[in-house]
Amino acid sequence: MCYNVDESGRDVLNSREKLAFEQKCHRGQERQHTVAQVARASLAAGVGARPLCPGVWARLRRSEEDDRGRFSALSTFPVFVWWPPQGCDPPGDVGERPCSQAQGSGSSRRSVYGRLAGSDQVHAWTLVTSHALDTAWKIAKGSVTLAASFLVAALCYVRRVHSYLGHRLKWWIGYLERKFKRNLSVEAEVDLLSYCAREWKGETPRAKLMRKAYEELFWRHHIKCVRQVKRDNYDALRSVLFQIFSQGLSFPSWMKEKDIVKLPEKLLFSQGCNWIQQYSFGPEKYTGSNVFGKLRKCVELLKTQWTEFSGIKDYHKRGSMCNILFSDAILEYKLYEALKFIMLYQVTEVYEQMKTKKVIPSLFRLLFSRETSSDPLSFMMNHLNSVGDTCGLEQIDMFILGHSLEIKIKVFRLFKFNSRDFEVCYPDLPLREWPEISLLTENDRHYHIPVF
């Protein structure tokens, strides 16, 4: 196919080709100028790309694509070192010069370029090392973060397991101690003087008085050992009942004549003491219609245990059974509440006798003369209900306890040493020859058991 092109069309084609050629030349000059600027800046700074020989400039101008690729490579890598051949002087300008020029300054310039090449090589290795270290740090950072998270989770889990196991172990230790440990409320015998030396040190007047009192017990009363009793508001009742059982004492005479298990119902139906429903079981503070049933169980337990201990003739066997009984807190408290009720029953009996103008012991006259115990109800509400809860037995209560159980309670009051009240008995004038038990106290609140 042929196309006819007139003169004007031929001029248009020539002008277009000329414009494209000029643009191509202009782009080549711009690239040469840019490369020259990069080379000069690098030479002035002492780092980066080095000035190149004329042969390199010729290769950069071969084609547009090759020049663009080489220029891109030059701009991509900050370190571009090229050593000129022997006798070739790097050009100071972009223009091409033969290698034979500037022979006089060639040696000095080669030394300068040698130092620059060494600096560029160090800088290249620094960048490579920095990049490698940065990559290694990122990997290590991720690994460390993962390991730290796993470690924290593991520690939290171990802590929870440790807390749970510790709680369970503590519960089992307490359970086994309560189950198998003996002599919690009445401890084993210890030497009297050793106990005194351990408890009463120093040179205070009270400590000196206590040491003299213990020496008096040891040398004059022949008390060689002591059994410590648990310090609570039941310790007076505990000390008395422990000695009754350990010595195998028999029932009081009036208990042999009456069935003490039926005493709660007797107070209610025979004597009309319906106020007995306000009786309090120590810290339990139980009141209600079932109080008679609870009292009946307590008194029945006291009767059973007393009968069993009084029938054992072997002293060591009674001691072993006492150790077992007085390590069970539930049974202990029932026995002490039974003793409290026996005291209340005796007070009620004597009060009925006093209303019929019968002769009563002097200690009961003293009891009923107080405003807080003018009758059995006030005695129970103001004194007896607090025993085991907020207070222990008072001296007047010790009289009533001794009278109710028909025993003579001898108490060595150590804080009254060198006075007439150092050794007292409850009651002070027993009606007949009652069996005797001994206690010692340092303050009239807590009691211990002496061993002769």
Protein backbone atom coordinates (compact mmCIF):
# COMPACT_ATOMS: atom_id res chain seq x y z
CA MET A 1 0.00 0.00 0.00
CA CYS A 2 1.43 3.44 -0.94
CA TYR A 3 0.79 6.78 0.75
CA ASN A 4 1.27 10.07 -0.99
CA VAL A 5 2.93 12.61 1.28
CA ASP A 6 3.07 16.22 0.18
CA GLU A 7 5.77 18.75 1.01
CA SER A 8 3.97 20.08 4.09
CA GLY A 9 3.53 16.63 5.57
CA ARG A 10 7.21 15.86 5.00
CA ASP A 11 8.10 19.02 6.94
CA VAL A 12 5.88 17.96 9.84
CA LEU A 13 7.60 14.57 10.06
CA ASN A 14 11.02 16.20 9.98
CA SER A 15 10.06 18.63 12.74
CA ARG A 16 8.74 15.79 14.92
CA GLU A 17 11.88 13.72 14.51
CA LYS A 18 13.99 16.76 15.26
CA LEU A 19 12.01 17.47 18.44
CA ALA A 20 12.34 13.86 19.62
CA PHE A 21 16.06 13.90 18.93
CA GLU A 22 16.54 17.13 20.85
CA GLN A 23 14.58 15.77 23.82
CA LYS A 24 16.69 12.60 23.82
CA CYS A 25 19.90 14.60 23.79
CA HIS A 26 18.58 16.85 26.53
CA ARG A 27 17.78 13.83 28.72
CA GLY A 28 21.26 12.43 28.17
CA GLN A 29 22.85 15.73 29.17
CA GLU A 30 20.67 15.83 32.30
CA ARG A 31 21.77 12.32 33.26
CA GLN A 32 25.42 13.20 32.72
CA HIS A 33 25.00 16.34 34.75
CA THR A 34 23.24 14.45 37.59
CA VAL A 35 25.91 11.75 37.68
CA ALA A 36 28.58 14.42 37.76
CA GLN A 37 26.88 16.13 40.68
CA VAL A 38 26.64 12.83 42.61
CA ALA A 39 30.31 12.12 41.94
CA ARG A 40 31.42 15.58 43.03
CA ALA A 41 29.31 15.45 46.21
CA SER A 42 30.64 12.01 47.11
CA LEU A 43 34.26 13.09 46.48
CA ALA A 44 33.79 16.21 48.59
CA ALA A 45 32.24 14.24 51.52
CA GLY A 46 34.76 11.39 51.37
CA VAL A 47 32.01 8.75 51.32
CA GLY A 48 29.57 7.40 48.77
CA ALA A 49 30.25 6.87 45.07
CA ARG A 50 33.78 7.61 43.69
CA PRO A 51 34.48 9.65 40.47
CA LEU A 52 34.72 7.39 37.46
CA CYS A 53 37.13 7.21 34.49
CA PRO A 54 36.10 8.34 31.03
CA GLY A 55 35.58 4.73 29.93
CA VAL A 56 32.77 4.46 32.41
CA TRP A 57 31.11 7.63 31.14
CA ALA A 58 31.22 6.18 27.60
CA ARG A 59 29.50 3.03 28.72
CA LEU A 60 26.86 5.06 30.60
CA ARG A 61 25.98 6.82 27.31
CA ARG A 62 25.53 3.70 25.16
CA SER A 63 21.76 3.58 25.37
CA GLU A 64 18.95 5.14 27.31
CA GLU A 65 17.84 1.89 28.93
CA ASP A 66 21.39 0.88 29.92
CA ASP A 67 22.14 4.36 31.22
CA ARG A 68 18.93 4.43 33.25
CA GLY A 69 19.71 1.02 34.76
CA ARG A 70 23.28 1.97 35.59
CA PHE A 71 22.20 5.29 37.05
CA SER A 72 19.53 3.52 39.11
CA ALA A 73 22.13 1.11 40.41
CA LEU A 74 24.39 4.04 41.21
CA SER A 75 21.66 5.84 43.13
CA THR A 76 20.53 2.65 44.87
CA PHE A 77 23.88 1.67 46.37
CA PRO A 78 25.48 4.46 48.40
CA VAL A 79 28.91 2.83 48.16
CA PHE A 80 30.24 2.52 44.53
CA VAL A 81 34.01 2.18 44.28
CA TRP A 82 35.92 1.90 41.02
CA TRP A 83 39.71 1.83 40.87
CA PRO A 84 41.28 3.42 37.73
CA PRO A 85 43.96 1.49 35.85
CA GLN A 86 47.66 2.16 36.36
CA GLY A 87 48.54 5.68 35.27
CA CYS A 88 44.94 6.80 34.81
CA ASP A 89 43.95 9.96 36.60
CA PRO A 90 40.31 10.34 37.60
CA PRO A 91 38.83 13.37 35.87
CA GLY A 92 38.14 16.43 37.92
CA ASP A 93 35.23 17.35 35.66
CA VAL A 94 32.64 15.46 33.73
CA GLY A 95 34.48 15.98 30.50
CA GLU A 96 36.59 13.18 29.05
CA ARG A 97 40.38 13.43 29.30
CA PRO A 98 43.07 10.89 28.34
CA CYS A 99 44.72 8.88 31.06
CA SER A 100 48.15 10.31 30.25
CA GLN A 101 47.27 13.80 31.57
CA ALA A 102 48.03 15.03 35.08
CA GLN A 103 50.89 12.62 35.61
CA GLY A 104 52.55 14.93 38.15
CA SER A 105 49.68 14.84 40.64
CA GLY A 106 48.72 11.18 40.02
CA SER A 107 50.57 9.71 42.99
CA SER A 108 49.09 12.15 45.52
CA ARG A 109 45.60 11.68 44.16
CA ARG A 110 45.94 7.91 44.24
CA SER A 111 46.86 8.10 47.96
CA VAL A 112 43.79 10.23 48.62
CA TYR A 113 41.57 7.83 46.72
CA GLY A 114 43.13 4.88 48.60
CA ARG A 115 42.13 6.38 51.94
CA LEU A 116 38.66 7.09 50.61
CA ALA A 117 38.34 3.53 49.36
CA GLY A 118 39.28 2.15 52.79
CA SER A 119 36.71 4.40 54.46
CA ASP A 120 34.05 3.27 52.00
CA GLN A 121 34.81 -0.38 52.66
CA VAL A 122 34.54 0.14 56.46
CA HIS A 123 31.27 1.99 55.97
CA ALA A 124 29.94 -0.82 53.77
CA TRP A 125 30.79 -3.44 56.37
CA THR A 126 29.24 -1.26 59.08
CA LEU A 127 25.97 -1.03 57.16
CA VAL A 128 25.92 -4.76 56.49
CA THR A 129 26.66 -5.53 60.14
CA SER A 130 24.02 -3.04 61.31
CA HIS A 131 21.42 -4.56 58.99
CA ALA A 132 22.30 -8.06 60.19
CA LEU A 133 22.14 -7.02 63.83
CA ASP A 134 18.81 -5.27 63.28
CA THR A 135 17.35 -8.39 61.68
CA ALA A 136 18.73 -10.60 64.44
CA TRP A 137 17.32 -8.24 67.10
CA LYS A 138 13.85 -8.32 65.56
CA ILE A 139 13.91 -12.12 65.56
CA ALA A 140 15.29 -12.27 69.08
CA LYS A 141 12.78 -9.65 70.30
CA GLY A 142 9.87 -11.71 69.03
CA SER A 143 11.26 -14.85 70.63
CA VAL A 144 11.90 -13.10 73.94
CA THR A 145 8.40 -11.59 73.97
CA LEU A 146 6.85 -14.99 73.33
CA ALA A 147 9.00 -16.62 75.99
CA ALA A 148 8.17 -13.88 78.52
CA SER A 149 4.45 -14.25 77.87
CA PHE A 150 4.68 -18.00 78.32
CA LEU A 151 6.71 -17.57 81.52
CA VAL A 152 4.18 -15.11 83.03
CA ALA A 153 1.31 -17.45 82.22
CA ALA A 154 3.20 -20.38 83.73
CA LEU A 155 3.98 -18.40 86.91
CA CYS A 156 0.33 -17.38 87.33
CA TYR A 157 -0.77 -20.97 86.94
CA VAL A 158 1.85 -22.24 89.38
CA ARG A 159 0.85 -19.55 91.89
CA ARG A 160 -2.81 -20.56 91.74
CA VAL A 161 -1.92 -24.23 92.12
CA HIS A 162 0.40 -23.43 95.03
CA SER A 163 -2.30 -21.38 96.78
CA TYR A 164 -4.87 -24.13 96.36
CA LEU A 165 -2.52 -26.87 97.55
CA GLY A 166 -1.41 -24.74 100.51
CA HIS A 167 -5.00 -24.17 101.55
CA ARG A 168 -5.84 -27.85 101.30
CA LEU A 169 -2.67 -28.88 103.13
CA LYS A 170 -3.40 -26.43 105.95
CA TRP A 171 -6.92 -27.82 106.29
CA TRP A 172 -5.68 -31.42 106.43
CA ILE A 173 -2.98 -30.56 108.98
CA GLY A 174 -5.56 -28.92 111.23
CA TYR A 175 -7.91 -31.87 110.80
CA LEU A 176 -5.20 -34.42 111.67
CA GLU A 177 -4.10 -32.37 114.67
CA ARG A 178 -7.66 -32.22 115.96
CA LYS A 179 -8.11 -35.93 115.26
CA PHE A 180 -4.96 -37.42 116.71
CA LYS A 181 -3.29 -34.88 118.97
CA ARG A 182 -3.78 -35.58 122.68
CA ASN A 183 -3.57 -33.56 125.89
CA LEU A 184 -4.68 -30.31 124.33
CA SER A 185 -6.57 -29.03 127.36
CA VAL A 186 -4.51 -30.67 130.14
CA GLU A 187 -0.81 -31.01 129.36
CA ALA A 188 1.67 -33.55 130.64
CA GLU A 189 3.55 -33.16 133.91
CA VAL A 190 6.53 -30.79 134.01
CA ASP A 191 8.97 -30.04 136.79
CA LEU A 192 7.60 -27.35 139.10
CA LEU A 193 10.80 -25.30 139.50
CA SER A 194 11.63 -25.55 135.79
CA TYR A 195 8.17 -24.25 134.96
CA CYS A 196 8.63 -21.39 137.43
CA ALA A 197 12.04 -20.46 135.98
CA ARG A 198 10.58 -20.41 132.46
CA GLU A 199 7.47 -18.39 133.32
CA TRP A 200 8.85 -15.93 135.87
CA LYS A 201 12.09 -14.33 134.74
CA GLY A 202 13.42 -10.93 135.64
CA GLU A 203 13.78 -9.06 138.90
CA THR A 204 10.39 -7.39 139.24
CA PRO A 205 8.70 -7.63 142.67
CA ARG A 206 5.96 -9.89 141.30
CA ALA A 207 8.47 -12.24 139.67
CA LYS A 208 10.43 -12.52 142.91
CA LEU A 209 7.21 -13.20 144.84
CA MET A 210 6.18 -15.94 142.41
CA ARG A 211 9.57 -17.66 142.58
CA LYS A 212 9.39 -17.72 146.38
CA ALA A 213 5.85 -19.10 146.26
CA TYR A 214 6.85 -21.92 143.91
CA GLU A 215 9.84 -22.76 146.11
CA GLU A 216 7.45 -22.91 149.08
CA LEU A 217 5.27 -25.41 147.22
CA PHE A 218 8.29 -27.50 146.25
CA TRP A 219 10.02 -27.72 149.63
CA ARG A 220 7.21 -27.43 152.17
CA HIS A 221 4.19 -28.95 150.41
CA HIS A 222 6.22 -31.50 148.42
CA ILE A 223 4.71 -30.56 145.07
CA LYS A 224 7.25 -31.74 142.49
CA CYS A 225 5.38 -31.28 139.19
CA VAL A 226 2.57 -29.28 137.66
CA ARG A 227 0.13 -29.91 134.82
CA GLN A 228 -0.77 -26.84 132.81
CA VAL A 229 -4.46 -26.40 132.02
CA LYS A 230 -5.79 -24.70 128.90
CA ARG A 231 -6.45 -21.03 129.60
CA ASP A 232 -10.10 -20.29 128.90
CA ASN A 233 -13.24 -19.58 130.90
CA TYR A 234 -13.74 -23.28 131.63
CA ASP A 235 -10.31 -23.91 133.20
CA ALA A 236 -11.58 -24.06 136.82
CA LEU A 237 -14.23 -26.65 135.92
CA ARG A 238 -11.67 -28.50 133.76
CA SER A 239 -9.13 -28.68 136.58
CA VAL A 240 -11.67 -29.99 139.08
CA LEU A 241 -13.26 -32.56 136.79
CA PHE A 242 -9.87 -33.85 135.55
CA GLN A 243 -8.79 -34.64 139.11
CA ILE A 244 -12.13 -36.25 139.97
CA PHE A 245 -11.77 -38.62 137.01
CA SER A 246 -8.03 -39.21 137.33
CA GLN A 247 -8.39 -40.09 141.04
CA GLY A 248 -11.46 -42.24 140.42
CA LEU A 249 -13.65 -40.46 143.00
CA SER A 250 -17.16 -41.80 143.49
CA PHE A 251 -20.50 -40.02 143.13
CA PRO A 252 -21.65 -37.58 145.81
CA SER A 253 -24.12 -39.09 148.24
CA TRP A 254 -27.09 -37.10 147.00
CA MET A 255 -26.39 -38.18 143.41
CA LYS A 256 -26.59 -41.79 144.45
CA GLU A 257 -30.07 -41.19 145.82
CA LYS A 258 -31.43 -39.34 142.80
CA ASP A 259 -31.30 -39.89 139.08
CA ILE A 260 -29.53 -36.76 137.94
CA VAL A 261 -30.61 -37.33 134.33
CA LYS A 262 -34.18 -36.38 135.31
CA LEU A 263 -33.21 -33.22 137.17
CA PRO A 264 -34.02 -30.78 134.29
CA GLU A 265 -37.61 -32.05 134.06
CA LYS A 266 -37.90 -32.02 137.85
CA LEU A 267 -37.03 -28.33 138.02
CA LEU A 268 -39.64 -27.53 135.39
CA PHE A 269 -42.59 -29.67 136.45
CA SER A 270 -42.13 -30.12 140.21
CA GLN A 271 -40.81 -26.70 141.18
CA GLY A 272 -42.27 -24.66 138.33
CA CYS A 273 -38.94 -23.24 137.17
CA ASN A 274 -39.95 -22.42 133.63
CA TRP A 275 -37.25 -19.73 133.56
CA ILE A 276 -34.78 -22.58 132.98
CA GLN A 277 -35.46 -22.07 129.28
CA GLN A 278 -33.18 -19.00 129.48
CA TYR A 279 -30.22 -21.18 130.36
CA SER A 280 -27.17 -20.40 128.18
CA PHE A 281 -24.59 -23.00 127.11
CA GLY A 282 -21.46 -20.89 127.39
CA PRO A 283 -20.37 -19.26 124.09
CA GLU A 284 -23.23 -21.03 122.27
CA LYS A 285 -25.81 -18.86 124.04
CA TYR A 286 -28.54 -21.37 123.28
CA THR A 287 -32.03 -20.69 124.57
CA GLY A 288 -35.34 -22.18 123.56
CA SER A 289 -37.80 -24.95 124.17
CA ASN A 290 -35.20 -27.65 123.51
CA VAL A 291 -32.98 -26.55 126.38
CA PHE A 292 -34.24 -29.45 128.52
CA GLY A 293 -33.21 -31.98 125.90
CA LYS A 294 -29.71 -30.50 125.65
CA LEU A 295 -29.32 -30.37 129.42
CA ARG A 296 -30.51 -33.96 129.72
CA LYS A 297 -27.86 -35.14 127.23
CA CYS A 298 -25.11 -33.23 129.05
CA VAL A 299 -26.07 -34.62 132.46
CA GLU A 300 -26.39 -38.13 131.05
CA LEU A 301 -22.87 -37.89 129.59
CA LEU A 302 -21.51 -36.72 132.95
CA LYS A 303 -23.15 -39.63 134.75
CA THR A 304 -21.85 -42.18 132.22
CA GLN A 305 -18.26 -40.91 132.27
CA TRP A 306 -18.16 -40.54 136.05
CA THR A 307 -19.46 -44.06 136.53
CA GLU A 308 -16.89 -45.44 134.08
CA PHE A 309 -13.90 -43.68 135.67
CA SER A 310 -14.92 -44.50 139.24
CA GLY A 311 -15.06 -48.19 138.32
CA ILE A 312 -11.44 -48.31 137.03
CA LYS A 313 -8.94 -49.31 139.73
CA ASP A 314 -5.76 -48.94 137.69
CA TYR A 315 -4.31 -45.45 138.06
CA HIS A 316 -2.38 -45.52 134.76
CA LYS A 317 -5.43 -46.68 132.83
CA ARG A 318 -7.48 -43.83 134.28
CA GLY A 319 -4.73 -41.43 133.23
CA SER A 320 -4.76 -42.73 129.65
CA MET A 321 -8.54 -42.42 129.45
CA CYS A 322 -8.36 -38.87 130.83
CA ASN A 323 -5.88 -37.94 128.10
CA ILE A 324 -8.31 -39.20 125.48
CA LEU A 325 -11.39 -37.58 127.03
CA PHE A 326 -9.81 -34.17 127.62
CA SER A 327 -8.60 -33.90 124.04
CA ASP A 328 -12.16 -33.93 122.68
CA ALA A 329 -13.47 -30.38 122.98
CA ILE A 330 -17.10 -31.26 122.20
CA LEU A 331 -17.33 -33.84 124.98
CA GLU A 332 -15.49 -31.56 127.37
CA TYR A 333 -17.91 -28.69 126.96
CA LYS A 334 -20.90 -30.95 127.50
CA LEU A 335 -19.39 -32.14 130.80
CA TYR A 336 -18.74 -28.57 131.93
CA GLU A 337 -22.29 -27.51 131.12
CA ALA A 338 -23.52 -30.48 133.15
CA LEU A 339 -21.46 -29.27 136.13
CA LYS A 340 -22.94 -25.79 135.74
CA PHE A 341 -26.44 -27.25 135.81
CA ILE A 342 -25.61 -29.32 138.94
CA MET A 343 -24.56 -26.07 140.64
CA LEU A 344 -27.82 -24.40 139.55
CA TYR A 345 -29.85 -27.32 140.84
CA GLN A 346 -28.17 -27.14 144.25
CA VAL A 347 -28.79 -23.39 144.47
CA THR A 348 -32.46 -23.97 143.63
CA GLU A 349 -32.77 -26.73 146.27
CA VAL A 350 -31.19 -24.60 149.00
CA TYR A 351 -33.34 -21.62 148.03
CA GLU A 352 -36.50 -23.73 148.47
CA GLN A 353 -35.23 -24.86 151.88
CA MET A 354 -34.57 -21.25 152.88
CA LYS A 355 -38.15 -20.30 152.00
CA THR A 356 -39.39 -23.05 154.40
CA LYS A 357 -37.20 -21.66 157.22
CA LYS A 358 -34.78 -24.57 157.19
CA VAL A 359 -31.13 -24.26 158.16
CA ILE A 360 -28.88 -23.71 155.15
CA PRO A 361 -25.07 -23.45 154.87
CA SER A 362 -23.58 -20.02 155.49
CA LEU A 363 -22.11 -19.75 152.02
CA PHE A 364 -25.63 -19.81 150.52
CA ARG A 365 -26.74 -17.04 152.87
CA LEU A 366 -23.86 -15.00 151.50
CA LEU A 367 -24.89 -15.88 147.95
CA PHE A 368 -28.52 -14.84 148.37
CA SER A 369 -27.55 -11.64 150.18
CA ARG A 370 -26.06 -10.21 147.00
CA GLU A 371 -28.32 -8.18 144.74
CA THR A 372 -27.06 -9.98 141.62
CA SER A 373 -27.90 -13.45 143.04
CA SER A 374 -30.86 -12.96 145.36
CA ASP A 375 -32.64 -15.98 143.83
CA PRO A 376 -31.79 -18.87 141.47
CA LEU A 377 -32.98 -16.95 138.38
CA SER A 378 -30.77 -13.91 139.05
CA PHE A 379 -27.86 -16.22 139.90
CA MET A 380 -28.26 -18.00 136.56
CA MET A 381 -28.72 -14.83 134.50
CA ASN A 382 -25.99 -12.71 136.14
CA HIS A 383 -23.32 -15.31 136.92
CA LEU A 384 -23.79 -18.85 135.70
CA ASN A 385 -24.69 -18.08 132.08
CA SER A 386 -21.44 -16.11 131.69
CA VAL A 387 -19.23 -18.99 132.83
CA GLY A 388 -17.46 -20.43 129.81
CA ASP A 389 -18.33 -17.39 127.70
CA THR A 390 -17.00 -14.15 129.16
CA CYS A 391 -15.73 -15.16 132.61
CA GLY A 392 -14.80 -18.11 134.78
CA LEU A 393 -15.80 -19.16 138.28
CA GLU A 394 -15.59 -16.63 141.10
CA GLN A 395 -14.70 -17.56 144.68
CA ILE A 396 -18.33 -17.88 145.70
CA ASP A 397 -18.85 -20.15 142.69
CA MET A 398 -15.96 -22.33 143.84
CA PHE A 399 -17.73 -22.75 147.20
CA ILE A 400 -20.93 -23.83 145.45
CA LEU A 401 -19.03 -26.23 143.16
CA GLY A 402 -17.29 -27.91 146.08
CA HIS A 403 -20.54 -28.21 148.00
CA SER A 404 -22.44 -29.59 144.98
CA LEU A 405 -19.82 -32.28 144.23
CA GLU A 406 -19.07 -32.96 147.94
CA ILE A 407 -15.34 -32.44 147.56
CA LYS A 408 -12.93 -30.11 149.33
CA ILE A 409 -11.10 -27.95 146.80
CA LYS A 410 -7.75 -26.74 148.18
CA VAL A 411 -6.31 -23.84 146.20
CA PHE A 412 -2.78 -22.43 146.52
CA ARG A 413 -3.08 -18.75 145.66
CA LEU A 414 0.51 -17.88 144.76
CA PHE A 415 -0.06 -14.14 144.48
CA LYS A 416 -1.10 -14.20 148.19
CA PHE A 417 2.20 -15.66 149.37
CA ASN A 418 3.17 -14.79 152.97
CA SER A 419 -0.47 -14.07 153.86
CA ARG A 420 -3.30 -16.02 155.49
CA ASP A 421 -5.05 -16.34 152.12
CA PHE A 422 -2.16 -18.23 150.51
CA GLU A 423 -3.92 -21.57 151.10
CA VAL A 424 -7.72 -21.68 151.02
CA CYS A 425 -10.36 -24.43 150.82
CA TYR A 426 -13.79 -24.44 149.13
CA PRO A 427 -15.89 -24.96 151.17
CA ASP A 428 -13.82 -23.94 154.19
CA LEU A 429 -15.87 -26.06 156.65
CA PRO A 430 -17.02 -29.26 154.92
CA LEU A 431 -19.89 -31.06 156.59
CA ARG A 432 -18.10 -34.40 156.61
CA GLU A 433 -14.89 -36.00 155.41
CA TRP A 434 -15.04 -35.21 151.76
CA PRO A 435 -12.27 -36.18 149.30
CA GLU A 436 -9.75 -33.41 148.59
CA ILE A 437 -8.32 -32.14 145.34
CA SER A 438 -5.70 -29.39 144.92
CA LEU A 439 -5.31 -26.52 142.49
CA LEU A 440 -2.87 -23.65 142.18
CA THR A 441 -3.51 -20.22 140.71
CA GLU A 442 -1.49 -17.11 140.08
CA ASN A 443 -4.40 -14.65 139.73
CA ASP A 444 -7.70 -16.33 140.80
CA ARG A 445 -8.70 -16.59 137.13
CA HIS A 446 -6.63 -19.42 135.66
CA TYR A 447 -5.85 -22.66 137.45
CA HIS A 448 -3.27 -25.44 137.11
CA ILE A 449 -3.05 -28.91 138.62
CA PRO A 450 -0.25 -29.64 141.12
CA VAL A 451 1.23 -33.15 141.25
CA PHE A 452 2.50 -34.35 144.65
